[in-house]
Amino acid sequence: MKDLKYANIAVFVIFFGIALIEALKNQNWFEALLFLALGILSLWADFKK
């Protein structure tokens, strides 16, 4: 199986992006900050390799 180069970024955009938008729409600031922090941590871990 080929190594999918951008699969992790796609998961980030789909999961963390939608969750962040939903949290901002509901004005749940703690949840929005949590998803933003988890998303940044996830991207950092992916590019650290």
Protein backbone atom coordinates (compact mmCIF):
# COMPACT_ATOMS: atom_id res chain seq x y z
CA MET A 1 0.00 0.00 0.00
CA LYS A 2 1.27 3.46 -0.86
CA ASP A 3 2.02 5.91 1.89
CA LEU A 4 -0.69 8.56 1.64
CA LYS A 5 1.20 11.80 2.04
CA TYR A 6 -1.67 14.09 2.96
CA ALA A 7 -4.03 11.70 4.75
CA ASN A 8 -3.22 13.14 8.18
CA ILE A 9 -3.91 16.68 7.02
CA ALA A 10 -7.23 15.59 5.54
CA VAL A 11 -8.24 14.02 8.87
CA PHE A 12 -7.17 17.22 10.63
CA VAL A 13 -9.24 19.44 8.37
CA ILE A 14 -12.30 17.22 8.51
CA PHE A 15 -12.34 16.38 12.21
CA PHE A 16 -10.76 19.34 13.98
CA GLY A 17 -11.98 21.92 11.49
CA ILE A 18 -15.63 20.91 11.71
CA ALA A 19 -15.45 20.51 15.49
CA LEU A 20 -13.84 23.95 15.84
CA ILE A 21 -16.45 25.60 13.63
CA GLU A 22 -19.26 23.90 15.56
CA ALA A 23 -17.80 25.00 18.90
CA LEU A 24 -17.43 28.60 17.68
CA LYS A 25 -20.96 28.58 16.27
CA ASN A 26 -22.33 27.51 19.67
CA GLN A 27 -20.04 30.03 21.43
CA ASN A 28 -18.50 27.27 23.51
CA TRP A 29 -15.11 28.95 23.95
CA PHE A 30 -13.47 26.27 26.11
CA GLU A 31 -14.34 23.55 23.61
CA ALA A 32 -13.15 25.73 20.71
CA LEU A 33 -9.84 26.34 22.46
CA LEU A 34 -9.50 22.63 23.21
CA PHE A 35 -10.08 21.60 19.59
CA LEU A 36 -7.72 24.31 18.34
CA ALA A 37 -4.98 23.16 20.73
CA LEU A 38 -5.49 19.49 19.83
CA GLY A 39 -5.42 20.32 16.14
CA ILE A 40 -2.17 22.27 16.42
CA LEU A 41 -0.62 19.49 18.51
CA SER A 42 -1.72 16.92 15.94
CA LEU A 43 -0.22 18.88 13.03
CA TRP A 44 3.00 19.46 14.96
CA ALA A 45 3.32 15.73 15.69
CA ASP A 46 2.71 14.86 12.02
CA PHE A 47 5.36 17.24 10.68
CA LYS A 48 7.89 16.47 13.42
CA LYS A 49 8.74 13.05 11.89
